[in-house]
Structures are given as structure tokens and as C-alpha cells.
Amino acid sequence: MKRLNLEALSGQLKEWKMKSVIVLEGGQVASEWYDLNKDTIGPLYSCTKSVLSALFGIALDKGYLNSVDQPITDYLQHPPEIRGALSKIQVKHLLTMTPGFDWPDFDKPYKTFRAAVDPTGFMFEQPIISDPGTAFTYNSGGSHLLSVILTKATGMTALQFAKDNLFEPLQFRRVRWMERDGVNEGGTGMNLYARDLAKIGVLYAQNGRWGSEQLLSPTWVQQSTKLHHRGLLQYEPPIYGGYGYHWWHSPESHNGHTDCYFAFGHGGQYLLISPQLDLVIVIRKQVTKRNDAIFSRRLIFEHIVPAFKETSEVLKH
């Protein structure tokens, strides 16, 4: 029976500038590889967005937020003259990257947004050019608005809320998350150990359950990871997929192997979950050229998934 041996791929992994690769099957580590022979803390880049999505689910479960259908104006200070337009934008529109702001591909205004004295104010200066819920534009500024909303709703930073309700129950070793003016950056900025990132994947694979605790409702796991918008299913090379609530969604018809959803970060960082195969995959990669992220995807769909898919099919017969 074919099994995965990441050590046998060590030469290829080094050539592709991989830093950490962890594969879990049924919640147990099946294989792992580290460029320095040990797990290290490192940046998640935009995988941060999917962790933020989990925090929104917890905030909803605990009653800090009423619904993803709430208008963002319930939480965000804004110029009164644009209240009418902004009140049409709901929390779920930020989660699905469909708020309607003019935000050219691919997150081009992000650097200007980050340099702004008032990031929230900068967002509200952007024209709304489409009806909320219709057009997908990848927008890390919108992710930051979600962090502002979470902070306002819970009365604590996203990091403190995460420590109390997610990171400590999962026994994370260490977390760093960039903060500015009392708000953690919503779209990026989190640093974790690879094994701790994998725990979030296992939590989702187990429908929000960790040991005897239900940290996240199964309803949120299902709702947040399902396809809400076609997103970038048509993008070539096929690094991305459709979009859920700050999770990417890739059906078997898109990737050719298995229905899955994943967190994706700049340069090829992945946390991917395949419920069908009961797999959780974490990849941390050195950032090189932008389209080199395809190497992470090739590792997943040319090496890791086929090994476990073959095993799964053998067991069925």
C-alpha cells in the first residue's frame, strides 16, 4: 500500500524552497518535514484571514455578534454622508470579499492602505462601484475592517479574543500578530508554528470539536468553508479557487483530485483540509517569485493527495 514519505522528497522540497510540510490523516500526523529539522514560528501572511474567520464564528457562537447579515455601520465609525451606501454592506460581504469597493486586482491598494494614518478612513474613501454581494475583489483592507468589527464587538483585540477562545484551548506554543492602534491586522500579520496552524485544520476537520470541547459550531465550519462566490476559479495557474467566508474553496472539478477548502498565504503558504480524505495539510514556503506558489500546489496535488487517495480507494475495495 502506497504511503507518503516526505523525507524521500527532501531534495525536491529544498529545491522548491519549502520550510515546513505537515500531513495529518484522521487528526494524526502521517508525515512531516522541516528544512531546519524542527518546527519554527513563521509568518502566515494571508492565512491569517482564515484564522480571523474562525474567530468570527466563535464570536457569533458566544453572542458578541448577532448575525453576518448585520450592516458594518453597526460597528464602524463612518462619515454620516456615506451612511446610506455603507449600510448596504453586511459583515458577510466582507467575509466573502464582495463589499463592492473599488479595489483593483490583485490587492493593489493594499500598500497605500497600510501606510494610511487612518486605515478605516482610507477604506471609506474608496468608491463603491458594485452592489454588495455581487463582484469578488480580493481585498485585505476589508479583512482589516473585520478585525476592527471583532474588536468593537468583543471589547478586546482579536489576538486577546483568540488567546482566550482558540489558541489557549488548542495549547499553541507561541503567537505573534501585528497590531496598530489597538487593532490586529485583519488581512495578514500572524506568526505561528506550523504544528499550531495544523491544529486549526484538525479543528475544522473535526467540525469544530477539540477533545471534549466544541470550540466552534459545526454550522459555522460548514457555512464558512462552502462556496459563496466563484472568486478566482478561472485564475491561471490554478493556485486559488472559489471563496467562502475568508476560506478558499476548490472542488474536485477544479483541482482534479478532491473537494477541499484552504487558507492561502503569499508565496505558497497553505492550510488545506480535505474532508473526503480526512486530510489536513500545512505547507510553509520561503517567499520567492509570486507564481512560485504553484510549487506548493504541485506538492499537494501531485504528491500528497494522490498518495492518500490511492490508500483510501484501496480500503474501499
C-alpha atoms as a PDB file:
ATOM      1  CA  MET A   1       0.000   0.000   0.000  1.00  0.00           C
ATOM      2  CA  LYS A   2       1.446   3.338  -1.020  1.00  0.00           C
ATOM      3  CA  ARG A   3       2.171   5.794   1.778  1.00  0.00           C
ATOM      4  CA  LEU A   4       3.775   9.215   1.747  1.00  0.00           C
ATOM      5  CA  ASN A   5       7.425   9.581   2.712  1.00  0.00           C
ATOM      6  CA  LEU A   6       8.305  13.269   2.745  1.00  0.00           C
ATOM      7  CA  GLU A   7      11.955  12.521   3.536  1.00  0.00           C
ATOM      8  CA  ALA A   8      12.186  10.777   0.155  1.00  0.00           C
ATOM      9  CA  LEU A   9      11.108  14.086  -1.410  1.00  0.00           C
ATOM     10  CA  SER A  10      13.635  16.118   0.573  1.00  0.00           C
ATOM     11  CA  GLY A  11      15.687  17.137  -2.461  1.00  0.00           C
ATOM     12  CA  GLN A  12      12.614  18.385  -4.293  1.00  0.00           C
ATOM     13  CA  LEU A  13      11.292  20.167  -1.197  1.00  0.00           C
ATOM     14  CA  LYS A  14      14.588  22.015  -0.763  1.00  0.00           C
ATOM     15  CA  GLU A  15      14.651  22.943  -4.456  1.00  0.00           C
ATOM     16  CA  TRP A  16      11.139  24.341  -4.147  1.00  0.00           C
ATOM     17  CA  LYS A  17      12.224  26.326  -1.034  1.00  0.00           C
ATOM     18  CA  MET A  18       9.804  24.600   1.318  1.00  0.00           C
ATOM     19  CA  LYS A  19      10.229  25.324   5.025  1.00  0.00           C
ATOM     20  CA  SER A  20       7.640  23.078   6.709  1.00  0.00           C
ATOM     21  CA  VAL A  21       5.322  20.355   5.439  1.00  0.00           C
ATOM     22  CA  ILE A  22       2.917  18.527   7.733  1.00  0.00           C
ATOM     23  CA  VAL A  23       0.314  15.976   6.671  1.00  0.00           C
ATOM     24  CA  LEU A  24      -2.304  14.681   9.100  1.00  0.00           C
ATOM     25  CA  GLU A  25      -4.774  11.898   8.420  1.00  0.00           C
ATOM     26  CA  GLY A  26      -7.649  11.372  10.826  1.00  0.00           C
ATOM     27  CA  GLY A  27      -6.183  14.028  13.103  1.00  0.00           C
ATOM     28  CA  GLN A  28      -2.848  12.186  13.458  1.00  0.00           C
ATOM     29  CA  VAL A  29       0.479  13.210  11.941  1.00  0.00           C
ATOM     30  CA  ALA A  30       1.119  10.927   8.968  1.00  0.00           C
ATOM     31  CA  SER A  31       4.294  12.618   7.745  1.00  0.00           C
ATOM     32  CA  GLU A  32       6.202  15.841   8.385  1.00  0.00           C
ATOM     33  CA  TRP A  33       9.309  17.557   7.076  1.00  0.00           C
ATOM     34  CA  TYR A  34      11.202  20.683   8.151  1.00  0.00           C
ATOM     35  CA  ASP A  35      14.052  22.421   6.351  1.00  0.00           C
ATOM     36  CA  LEU A  36      15.803  23.004   9.703  1.00  0.00           C
ATOM     37  CA  ASN A  37      14.766  19.600  11.091  1.00  0.00           C
ATOM     38  CA  LYS A  38      12.460  21.267  13.619  1.00  0.00           C
ATOM     39  CA  ASP A  39       9.287  23.332  13.666  1.00  0.00           C
ATOM     40  CA  THR A  40       9.796  27.104  13.797  1.00  0.00           C
ATOM     41  CA  ILE A  41       7.490  30.071  14.174  1.00  0.00           C
ATOM     42  CA  GLY A  42       6.859  31.920  10.925  1.00  0.00           C
ATOM     43  CA  PRO A  43       4.529  34.284   9.066  1.00  0.00           C
ATOM     44  CA  LEU A  44       1.173  33.055   7.779  1.00  0.00           C
ATOM     45  CA  TYR A  45       0.651  36.066   5.504  1.00  0.00           C
ATOM     46  CA  SER A  46      -2.949  35.822   4.254  1.00  0.00           C
ATOM     47  CA  CYS A  47      -3.631  32.505   6.012  1.00  0.00           C
ATOM     48  CA  THR A  48      -4.305  34.984   8.839  1.00  0.00           C
ATOM     49  CA  LYS A  49      -7.643  35.713   7.140  1.00  0.00           C
ATOM     50  CA  SER A  50      -8.936  32.182   7.700  1.00  0.00           C
ATOM     51  CA  VAL A  51      -7.971  32.278  11.383  1.00  0.00           C
ATOM     52  CA  LEU A  52      -9.909  35.548  11.622  1.00  0.00           C
ATOM     53  CA  SER A  53     -12.870  33.757  10.054  1.00  0.00           C
ATOM     54  CA  ALA A  54     -12.739  31.176  12.851  1.00  0.00           C
ATOM     55  CA  LEU A  55     -12.775  33.981  15.417  1.00  0.00           C
ATOM     56  CA  PHE A  56     -15.919  35.401  13.818  1.00  0.00           C
ATOM     57  CA  GLY A  57     -17.577  32.031  14.153  1.00  0.00           C
ATOM     58  CA  ILE A  58     -16.683  31.907  17.844  1.00  0.00           C
ATOM     59  CA  ALA A  59     -17.903  35.491  18.362  1.00  0.00           C
ATOM     60  CA  LEU A  60     -21.231  34.558  16.776  1.00  0.00           C
ATOM     61  CA  ASP A  61     -21.493  31.386  18.851  1.00  0.00           C
ATOM     62  CA  LYS A  62     -20.902  33.404  22.038  1.00  0.00           C
ATOM     63  CA  GLY A  63     -23.338  36.169  21.135  1.00  0.00           C
ATOM     64  CA  TYR A  64     -20.866  39.005  20.621  1.00  0.00           C
ATOM     65  CA  LEU A  65     -22.262  39.343  17.107  1.00  0.00           C
ATOM     66  CA  ASN A  66     -25.883  38.741  16.172  1.00  0.00           C
ATOM     67  CA  SER A  67     -25.537  37.720  12.532  1.00  0.00           C
ATOM     68  CA  VAL A  68     -23.299  38.008   9.478  1.00  0.00           C
ATOM     69  CA  ASP A  69     -26.242  39.872   7.931  1.00  0.00           C
ATOM     70  CA  GLN A  70     -25.624  42.882  10.185  1.00  0.00           C
ATOM     71  CA  PRO A  71     -24.582  46.077   8.375  1.00  0.00           C
ATOM     72  CA  ILE A  72     -20.986  47.114   9.029  1.00  0.00           C
ATOM     73  CA  THR A  73     -22.266  50.538  10.106  1.00  0.00           C
ATOM     74  CA  ASP A  74     -23.449  48.887  13.352  1.00  0.00           C
ATOM     75  CA  TYR A  75     -19.794  48.678  14.373  1.00  0.00           C
ATOM     76  CA  LEU A  76     -17.659  51.054  12.321  1.00  0.00           C
ATOM     77  CA  GLN A  77     -17.384  54.798  12.755  1.00  0.00           C
ATOM     78  CA  HIS A  78     -18.037  56.424   9.400  1.00  0.00           C
ATOM     79  CA  PRO A  79     -18.822  59.788   7.801  1.00  0.00           C
ATOM     80  CA  PRO A  80     -22.602  60.326   8.114  1.00  0.00           C
ATOM     81  CA  GLU A  81     -22.870  61.434   4.496  1.00  0.00           C
ATOM     82  CA  ILE A  82     -21.984  57.937   3.242  1.00  0.00           C
ATOM     83  CA  ARG A  83     -24.020  56.001   5.802  1.00  0.00           C
ATOM     84  CA  GLY A  84     -26.676  55.091   3.249  1.00  0.00           C
ATOM     85  CA  ALA A  85     -24.200  53.391   0.910  1.00  0.00           C
ATOM     86  CA  LEU A  86     -22.167  51.757   3.683  1.00  0.00           C
ATOM     87  CA  SER A  87     -25.237  50.390   5.468  1.00  0.00           C
ATOM     88  CA  LYS A  88     -25.868  48.129   2.472  1.00  0.00           C
ATOM     89  CA  ILE A  89     -22.567  46.364   3.167  1.00  0.00           C
ATOM     90  CA  GLN A  90     -23.063  43.480   5.572  1.00  0.00           C
ATOM     91  CA  VAL A  91     -20.464  41.589   7.583  1.00  0.00           C
ATOM     92  CA  LYS A  92     -20.862  38.610   5.242  1.00  0.00           C
ATOM     93  CA  HIS A  93     -19.885  40.799   2.278  1.00  0.00           C
ATOM     94  CA  LEU A  94     -16.532  41.493   3.914  1.00  0.00           C
ATOM     95  CA  LEU A  95     -16.143  37.775   4.684  1.00  0.00           C
ATOM     96  CA  THR A  96     -16.787  36.847   1.023  1.00  0.00           C
ATOM     97  CA  MET A  97     -14.706  39.735  -0.409  1.00  0.00           C
ATOM     98  CA  THR A  98     -17.780  41.214  -2.099  1.00  0.00           C
ATOM     99  CA  PRO A  99     -18.368  44.599  -0.354  1.00  0.00           C
ATOM    100  CA  GLY A 100     -18.356  46.491  -3.653  1.00  0.00           C
ATOM    101  CA  PHE A 101     -15.415  48.851  -3.013  1.00  0.00           C
ATOM    102  CA  ASP A 102     -13.260  49.887  -5.966  1.00  0.00           C
ATOM    103  CA  TRP A 103     -10.195  47.729  -5.208  1.00  0.00           C
ATOM    104  CA  PRO A 104      -8.110  46.797  -8.275  1.00  0.00           C
ATOM    105  CA  ASP A 105      -6.658  43.284  -8.620  1.00  0.00           C
ATOM    106  CA  PHE A 106      -4.640  41.829  -7.048  1.00  0.00           C
ATOM    107  CA  ASP A 107      -4.981  43.740  -3.759  1.00  0.00           C
ATOM    108  CA  LYS A 108      -3.096  46.626  -5.413  1.00  0.00           C
ATOM    109  CA  PRO A 109      -4.262  49.376  -2.998  1.00  0.00           C
ATOM    110  CA  TYR A 110      -3.053  47.344  -0.026  1.00  0.00           C
ATOM    111  CA  LYS A 111       0.327  49.096   0.379  1.00  0.00           C
ATOM    112  CA  THR A 112      -1.325  52.521   0.311  1.00  0.00           C
ATOM    113  CA  PHE A 113      -3.959  51.293   2.749  1.00  0.00           C
ATOM    114  CA  ARG A 114      -1.271  50.029   5.126  1.00  0.00           C
ATOM    115  CA  ALA A 115       0.573  53.349   5.013  1.00  0.00           C
ATOM    116  CA  ALA A 116      -2.581  55.368   5.721  1.00  0.00           C
ATOM    117  CA  VAL A 117      -2.799  57.273   9.009  1.00  0.00           C
ATOM    118  CA  ASP A 118      -6.378  56.017   9.363  1.00  0.00           C
ATOM    119  CA  PRO A 119      -6.808  52.641   7.601  1.00  0.00           C
ATOM    120  CA  THR A 120     -10.568  52.511   8.249  1.00  0.00           C
ATOM    121  CA  GLY A 121     -10.971  56.029   6.904  1.00  0.00           C
ATOM    122  CA  PHE A 122      -8.951  55.049   3.836  1.00  0.00           C
ATOM    123  CA  MET A 123     -11.371  52.209   3.137  1.00  0.00           C
ATOM    124  CA  PHE A 124     -14.341  54.547   3.328  1.00  0.00           C
ATOM    125  CA  GLU A 125     -12.692  56.879   0.817  1.00  0.00           C
ATOM    126  CA  GLN A 126     -12.853  54.136  -1.825  1.00  0.00           C
ATOM    127  CA  PRO A 127     -15.849  54.423  -4.162  1.00  0.00           C
ATOM    128  CA  ILE A 128     -18.475  51.683  -4.037  1.00  0.00           C
ATOM    129  CA  ILE A 129     -18.762  50.576  -7.661  1.00  0.00           C
ATOM    130  CA  SER A 130     -20.843  47.383  -7.432  1.00  0.00           C
ATOM    131  CA  ASP A 131     -23.747  46.134  -5.368  1.00  0.00           C
ATOM    132  CA  PRO A 132     -22.532  44.353  -2.221  1.00  0.00           C
ATOM    133  CA  GLY A 133     -22.571  40.582  -2.666  1.00  0.00           C
ATOM    134  CA  THR A 134     -22.016  40.598  -6.433  1.00  0.00           C
ATOM    135  CA  ALA A 135     -18.399  41.254  -7.510  1.00  0.00           C
ATOM    136  CA  PHE A 136     -15.405  39.483  -5.938  1.00  0.00           C
ATOM    137  CA  THR A 137     -12.318  41.616  -5.377  1.00  0.00           C
ATOM    138  CA  TYR A 138      -9.527  40.288  -3.173  1.00  0.00           C
ATOM    139  CA  ASN A 139      -9.308  42.991  -0.531  1.00  0.00           C
ATOM    140  CA  SER A 140      -7.109  42.827   2.573  1.00  0.00           C
ATOM    141  CA  GLY A 141      -8.489  46.204   3.611  1.00  0.00           C
ATOM    142  CA  GLY A 142     -11.885  44.585   4.014  1.00  0.00           C
ATOM    143  CA  SER A 143     -10.268  41.907   6.183  1.00  0.00           C
ATOM    144  CA  HIS A 144      -8.904  44.655   8.401  1.00  0.00           C
ATOM    145  CA  LEU A 145     -12.404  46.098   8.776  1.00  0.00           C
ATOM    146  CA  LEU A 146     -13.439  42.662  10.071  1.00  0.00           C
ATOM    147  CA  SER A 147     -10.727  42.878  12.745  1.00  0.00           C
ATOM    148  CA  VAL A 148     -11.988  46.339  13.713  1.00  0.00           C
ATOM    149  CA  ILE A 149     -15.551  44.942  13.938  1.00  0.00           C
ATOM    150  CA  LEU A 150     -14.412  41.991  16.073  1.00  0.00           C
ATOM    151  CA  THR A 151     -12.530  44.352  18.406  1.00  0.00           C
ATOM    152  CA  LYS A 152     -15.562  46.627  18.732  1.00  0.00           C
ATOM    153  CA  ALA A 153     -17.975  43.705  19.300  1.00  0.00           C
ATOM    154  CA  THR A 154     -15.877  41.857  21.895  1.00  0.00           C
ATOM    155  CA  GLY A 155     -14.197  44.781  23.633  1.00  0.00           C
ATOM    156  CA  MET A 156     -10.759  43.214  23.185  1.00  0.00           C
ATOM    157  CA  THR A 157      -8.175  42.821  20.450  1.00  0.00           C
ATOM    158  CA  ALA A 158      -8.571  39.952  18.016  1.00  0.00           C
ATOM    159  CA  LEU A 159      -5.393  38.439  19.496  1.00  0.00           C
ATOM    160  CA  GLN A 160      -6.710  38.513  23.069  1.00  0.00           C
ATOM    161  CA  PHE A 161     -10.053  37.095  21.958  1.00  0.00           C
ATOM    162  CA  ALA A 162      -8.190  34.383  20.032  1.00  0.00           C
ATOM    163  CA  LYS A 163      -5.993  33.520  23.011  1.00  0.00           C
ATOM    164  CA  ASP A 164      -8.972  33.168  25.327  1.00  0.00           C
ATOM    165  CA  ASN A 165     -11.205  31.200  22.980  1.00  0.00           C
ATOM    166  CA  LEU A 166      -8.977  29.372  20.479  1.00  0.00           C
ATOM    167  CA  PHE A 167      -5.224  29.486  20.960  1.00  0.00           C
ATOM    168  CA  GLU A 168      -5.115  28.522  24.653  1.00  0.00           C
ATOM    169  CA  PRO A 169      -7.648  25.672  24.312  1.00  0.00           C
ATOM    170  CA  LEU A 170      -5.535  24.379  21.405  1.00  0.00           C
ATOM    171  CA  GLN A 171      -2.372  24.833  23.526  1.00  0.00           C
ATOM    172  CA  PHE A 172      -0.483  26.943  20.999  1.00  0.00           C
ATOM    173  CA  ARG A 173       3.203  27.344  21.764  1.00  0.00           C
ATOM    174  CA  ARG A 174       3.527  30.994  20.776  1.00  0.00           C
ATOM    175  CA  VAL A 175       1.683  33.563  18.670  1.00  0.00           C
ATOM    176  CA  ARG A 176       2.664  36.929  17.234  1.00  0.00           C
ATOM    177  CA  TRP A 177       0.137  39.149  15.459  1.00  0.00           C
ATOM    178  CA  MET A 178       0.860  42.636  14.188  1.00  0.00           C
ATOM    179  CA  GLU A 179      -1.175  45.345  15.878  1.00  0.00           C
ATOM    180  CA  ARG A 180      -1.790  49.008  15.230  1.00  0.00           C
ATOM    181  CA  ASP A 181      -3.752  51.391  17.430  1.00  0.00           C
ATOM    182  CA  GLY A 182      -5.239  48.511  19.393  1.00  0.00           C
ATOM    183  CA  VAL A 183      -6.359  46.551  16.323  1.00  0.00           C
ATOM    184  CA  ASN A 184      -4.637  43.441  14.995  1.00  0.00           C
ATOM    185  CA  GLU A 185      -4.108  43.478  11.262  1.00  0.00           C
ATOM    186  CA  GLY A 186      -7.017  41.573   9.731  1.00  0.00           C
ATOM    187  CA  GLY A 187      -5.551  40.503   6.415  1.00  0.00           C
ATOM    188  CA  THR A 188      -2.088  39.306   7.445  1.00  0.00           C
ATOM    189  CA  GLY A 189       0.495  39.688  10.182  1.00  0.00           C
ATOM    190  CA  MET A 190       0.057  36.493  12.230  1.00  0.00           C
ATOM    191  CA  ASN A 191       3.022  34.244  13.042  1.00  0.00           C
ATOM    192  CA  LEU A 192       2.547  30.659  14.223  1.00  0.00           C
ATOM    193  CA  TYR A 193       4.367  27.367  14.479  1.00  0.00           C
ATOM    194  CA  ALA A 194       3.402  25.038  11.627  1.00  0.00           C
ATOM    195  CA  ARG A 195       2.099  22.424  14.065  1.00  0.00           C
ATOM    196  CA  ASP A 196      -0.168  25.010  15.680  1.00  0.00           C
ATOM    197  CA  LEU A 197      -1.553  26.029  12.302  1.00  0.00           C
ATOM    198  CA  ALA A 198      -2.219  22.332  11.687  1.00  0.00           C
ATOM    199  CA  LYS A 199      -4.319  22.220  14.876  1.00  0.00           C
ATOM    200  CA  ILE A 200      -6.722  24.730  13.334  1.00  0.00           C
ATOM    201  CA  GLY A 201      -7.035  22.421  10.335  1.00  0.00           C
ATOM    202  CA  VAL A 202      -7.773  19.453  12.602  1.00  0.00           C
ATOM    203  CA  LEU A 203     -10.342  21.542  14.486  1.00  0.00           C
ATOM    204  CA  TYR A 204     -12.158  22.221  11.196  1.00  0.00           C
ATOM    205  CA  ALA A 205     -11.790  18.608  10.034  1.00  0.00           C
ATOM    206  CA  GLN A 206     -13.478  17.601  13.321  1.00  0.00           C
ATOM    207  CA  ASN A 207     -16.330  20.068  12.756  1.00  0.00           C
ATOM    208  CA  GLY A 208     -15.140  22.470  15.423  1.00  0.00           C
ATOM    209  CA  ARG A 209     -14.530  19.889  18.129  1.00  0.00           C
ATOM    210  CA  TRP A 210     -11.262  19.568  20.061  1.00  0.00           C
ATOM    211  CA  GLY A 211     -11.148  16.766  22.571  1.00  0.00           C
ATOM    212  CA  SER A 212     -14.231  17.175  24.760  1.00  0.00           C
ATOM    213  CA  GLU A 213     -14.740  20.832  23.800  1.00  0.00           C
ATOM    214  CA  GLN A 214     -16.835  22.282  20.971  1.00  0.00           C
ATOM    215  CA  LEU A 215     -14.712  25.358  20.238  1.00  0.00           C
ATOM    216  CA  LEU A 216     -16.526  26.234  17.019  1.00  0.00           C
ATOM    217  CA  SER A 217     -20.038  25.317  15.922  1.00  0.00           C
ATOM    218  CA  PRO A 218     -20.341  22.714  13.131  1.00  0.00           C
ATOM    219  CA  THR A 219     -22.748  25.133  11.435  1.00  0.00           C
ATOM    220  CA  TRP A 220     -20.030  27.787  11.175  1.00  0.00           C
ATOM    221  CA  VAL A 221     -17.466  25.286   9.903  1.00  0.00           C
ATOM    222  CA  GLN A 222     -19.863  24.224   7.143  1.00  0.00           C
ATOM    223  CA  GLN A 223     -21.149  27.705   6.337  1.00  0.00           C
ATOM    224  CA  SER A 224     -17.752  29.421   6.300  1.00  0.00           C
ATOM    225  CA  THR A 225     -15.968  26.862   4.120  1.00  0.00           C
ATOM    226  CA  LYS A 226     -18.624  26.270   1.469  1.00  0.00           C
ATOM    227  CA  LEU A 227     -18.587  28.090  -1.879  1.00  0.00           C
ATOM    228  CA  HIS A 228     -20.226  31.535  -1.654  1.00  0.00           C
ATOM    229  CA  HIS A 229     -18.682  33.104  -4.780  1.00  0.00           C
ATOM    230  CA  ARG A 230     -16.800  31.773  -7.798  1.00  0.00           C
ATOM    231  CA  GLY A 231     -13.954  34.060  -6.774  1.00  0.00           C
ATOM    232  CA  LEU A 232     -10.833  33.113  -8.742  1.00  0.00           C
ATOM    233  CA  LEU A 233     -11.802  29.660 -10.007  1.00  0.00           C
ATOM    234  CA  GLN A 234     -10.824  30.813 -13.501  1.00  0.00           C
ATOM    235  CA  TYR A 235      -7.355  32.100 -12.488  1.00  0.00           C
ATOM    236  CA  GLU A 236      -4.306  30.552 -14.197  1.00  0.00           C
ATOM    237  CA  PRO A 237      -2.139  28.998 -12.893  1.00  0.00           C
ATOM    238  CA  PRO A 238      -4.892  27.398 -10.746  1.00  0.00           C
ATOM    239  CA  ILE A 239      -3.486  28.433  -7.372  1.00  0.00           C
ATOM    240  CA  TYR A 240      -6.707  29.798  -5.911  1.00  0.00           C
ATOM    241  CA  GLY A 241     -10.352  28.742  -6.217  1.00  0.00           C
ATOM    242  CA  GLY A 242     -13.780  29.965  -5.259  1.00  0.00           C
ATOM    243  CA  TYR A 243     -14.387  31.788  -1.994  1.00  0.00           C
ATOM    244  CA  GLY A 244     -16.250  31.175   1.251  1.00  0.00           C
ATOM    245  CA  TYR A 245     -16.035  33.237   4.442  1.00  0.00           C
ATOM    246  CA  HIS A 246     -12.307  34.030   4.187  1.00  0.00           C
ATOM    247  CA  TRP A 247     -11.556  30.448   3.105  1.00  0.00           C
ATOM    248  CA  TRP A 248     -10.731  29.407  -0.448  1.00  0.00           C
ATOM    249  CA  HIS A 249     -12.836  26.568  -1.867  1.00  0.00           C
ATOM    250  CA  SER A 250     -11.619  24.147  -4.530  1.00  0.00           C
ATOM    251  CA  PRO A 251     -13.989  21.420  -5.769  1.00  0.00           C
ATOM    252  CA  GLU A 252     -12.660  18.233  -7.353  1.00  0.00           C
ATOM    253  CA  SER A 253     -13.810  19.587 -10.726  1.00  0.00           C
ATOM    254  CA  HIS A 254     -11.312  22.440 -10.233  1.00  0.00           C
ATOM    255  CA  ASN A 255      -8.256  20.610  -8.904  1.00  0.00           C
ATOM    256  CA  GLY A 256      -8.877  17.156 -10.420  1.00  0.00           C
ATOM    257  CA  HIS A 257      -8.400  15.269  -7.138  1.00  0.00           C
ATOM    258  CA  THR A 258     -10.672  16.057  -4.193  1.00  0.00           C
ATOM    259  CA  ASP A 259     -13.145  18.585  -2.825  1.00  0.00           C
ATOM    260  CA  CYS A 260     -11.240  20.760  -0.371  1.00  0.00           C
ATOM    261  CA  TYR A 261     -11.016  24.175   1.210  1.00  0.00           C
ATOM    262  CA  PHE A 262      -7.920  26.042   2.265  1.00  0.00           C
ATOM    263  CA  ALA A 263      -6.238  29.069   3.759  1.00  0.00           C
ATOM    264  CA  PHE A 264      -3.674  30.532   1.379  1.00  0.00           C
ATOM    265  CA  GLY A 265      -0.861  32.965   2.110  1.00  0.00           C
ATOM    266  CA  HIS A 266       1.555  34.956  -0.026  1.00  0.00           C
ATOM    267  CA  GLY A 267       4.270  32.888  -1.644  1.00  0.00           C
ATOM    268  CA  GLY A 268       2.616  29.494  -1.230  1.00  0.00           C
ATOM    269  CA  GLN A 269       1.603  29.132   2.433  1.00  0.00           C
ATOM    270  CA  TYR A 270      -1.231  26.609   2.796  1.00  0.00           C
ATOM    271  CA  LEU A 271      -3.563  25.117   5.351  1.00  0.00           C
ATOM    272  CA  LEU A 272      -5.714  22.716   3.340  1.00  0.00           C
ATOM    273  CA  ILE A 273      -8.487  20.419   4.540  1.00  0.00           C
ATOM    274  CA  SER A 274      -9.968  17.562   2.504  1.00  0.00           C
ATOM    275  CA  PRO A 275     -13.000  16.220   4.395  1.00  0.00           C
ATOM    276  CA  GLN A 276     -13.385  13.455   1.797  1.00  0.00           C
ATOM    277  CA  LEU A 277      -9.910  12.057   2.567  1.00  0.00           C
ATOM    278  CA  ASP A 278      -9.834  13.243   6.213  1.00  0.00           C
ATOM    279  CA  LEU A 279      -6.598  15.063   5.406  1.00  0.00           C
ATOM    280  CA  VAL A 280      -5.082  18.244   6.817  1.00  0.00           C
ATOM    281  CA  ILE A 281      -2.050  19.648   5.013  1.00  0.00           C
ATOM    282  CA  VAL A 282       0.189  22.513   6.151  1.00  0.00           C
ATOM    283  CA  ILE A 283       2.832  23.979   3.873  1.00  0.00           C
ATOM    284  CA  ARG A 284       5.108  26.846   4.765  1.00  0.00           C
ATOM    285  CA  LYS A 285       7.345  28.060   1.959  1.00  0.00           C
ATOM    286  CA  GLN A 286      10.045  30.661   1.537  1.00  0.00           C
ATOM    287  CA  VAL A 287       8.637  33.595  -0.427  1.00  0.00           C
ATOM    288  CA  THR A 288      10.268  33.786  -3.843  1.00  0.00           C
ATOM    289  CA  LYS A 289       8.573  34.823  -7.104  1.00  0.00           C
ATOM    290  CA  ARG A 290       4.795  35.220  -6.918  1.00  0.00           C
ATOM    291  CA  ASN A 291       3.867  32.340  -9.231  1.00  0.00           C
ATOM    292  CA  ASP A 292       6.309  30.034  -7.411  1.00  0.00           C
ATOM    293  CA  ALA A 293       3.341  29.391  -5.123  1.00  0.00           C
ATOM    294  CA  ILE A 294       2.433  26.810  -7.769  1.00  0.00           C
ATOM    295  CA  PHE A 295       5.142  24.572  -6.249  1.00  0.00           C
ATOM    296  CA  SER A 296       3.107  24.281  -3.051  1.00  0.00           C
ATOM    297  CA  ARG A 297       0.062  23.365  -5.089  1.00  0.00           C
ATOM    298  CA  ARG A 298       2.054  20.784  -7.058  1.00  0.00           C
ATOM    299  CA  LEU A 299       3.281  19.229  -3.818  1.00  0.00           C
ATOM    300  CA  ILE A 300      -0.304  18.931  -2.589  1.00  0.00           C
ATOM    301  CA  PHE A 301      -1.963  17.630  -5.742  1.00  0.00           C
ATOM    302  CA  GLU A 302       0.885  15.722  -7.422  1.00  0.00           C
ATOM    303  CA  HIS A 303       2.398  14.064  -4.353  1.00  0.00           C
ATOM    304  CA  ILE A 304       0.420  14.281  -1.103  1.00  0.00           C
ATOM    305  CA  VAL A 305      -3.231  13.900  -2.127  1.00  0.00           C
ATOM    306  CA  PRO A 306      -2.637  11.095  -4.681  1.00  0.00           C
ATOM    307  CA  ALA A 307      -0.805   9.000  -2.052  1.00  0.00           C
ATOM    308  CA  PHE A 308      -3.706   9.166   0.373  1.00  0.00           C
ATOM    309  CA  LYS A 309      -6.375   8.986  -2.303  1.00  0.00           C
ATOM    310  CA  GLU A 310      -4.896   5.704  -3.540  1.00  0.00           C
ATOM    311  CA  THR A 311      -4.859   4.347   0.015  1.00  0.00           C
ATOM    312  CA  SER A 312      -8.466   5.446   0.546  1.00  0.00           C
ATOM    313  CA  GLU A 313      -9.588   3.761  -2.677  1.00  0.00           C
ATOM    314  CA  VAL A 314      -7.780   0.518  -1.781  1.00  0.00           C
ATOM    315  CA  LEU A 315      -9.520   0.438   1.603  1.00  0.00           C
ATOM    316  CA  LYS A 316     -12.924   0.805  -0.070  1.00  0.00           C
ATOM    317  CA  HIS A 317     -12.419  -2.396  -2.072  1.00  0.00           C
END
